[in-house]
């Protein structure tokens, strides 16, 4: 059993075999940070052993699914590069543990999902977004390599051309555009999101669990092989970019509310 009370930034609700998990840092748009990030990684280490959970639904409290990183945390990591390396390794473990998770995982994207937040949403087996939500991986806009899942997942979902356009520009997509190109399963009206996700979650929870889990595991074989090939190099490149002048400039410009002046270094 998961010790739900030991989590500080995750909220839990059970609906029969469906475990609803809410990122609960709404004041920071559910950016992962020092507590939420480690707790999400811990959850996906613990939930495979929870026999009461047949399906997991992830969503965010407040206006966002998850903004991924936060600027204050980035500044702390600039000041202490070891913090960034620890966080990037944690992101790598999270990617692998979500791919290994036997239960189906559904993303209920109630608002913006960006950076690592987008990667977590796309690592889910099914993803449904409110029509007003936006999703994207703007790592390059803060001078970082899109390594915590972006370079792995986007090409598999939408092809190399669309993935490169999205990741090299860092632009966000509307939920409707994301659904149209196959990045997510569906865009629905905000007031229909809960019902849409609840229906598919109940259907999976009441289905043939062994068959569903085995099918997921079979599909993920190739993704796991790709992750083993891509993630180590991608994380190493991101660690290097975290020490670049452009990354420091991006963080400074955001805090000073001015456009960044990148130099390519």
Foldseek 3Di string as FASTA:
>chain_A
DDPQVVADQWDWDDDFQEIEIEGHDVVQLSACPDRNLVVLLVCLVPVLPDPRHQEYEQAYPDAWRYAHHDLVRLVVCLVPVVVVLVSLVSLLSSLLSLLVRLHQYEYLTLAEQEQSSLQVRLSGPAYEYEQAHKYAYQQVLLQFQSQSRLVLRPCVFQNDVVSCVRRVRRDIDGQCVCCVRRSHVYYDHSVCSVVVVVVVRVVSSPDDRVVSSVVSNVVSPVSSVSSVVRRVVRSVRRSVSSNDPSNVQSSVCVVVVHRGDDDPD
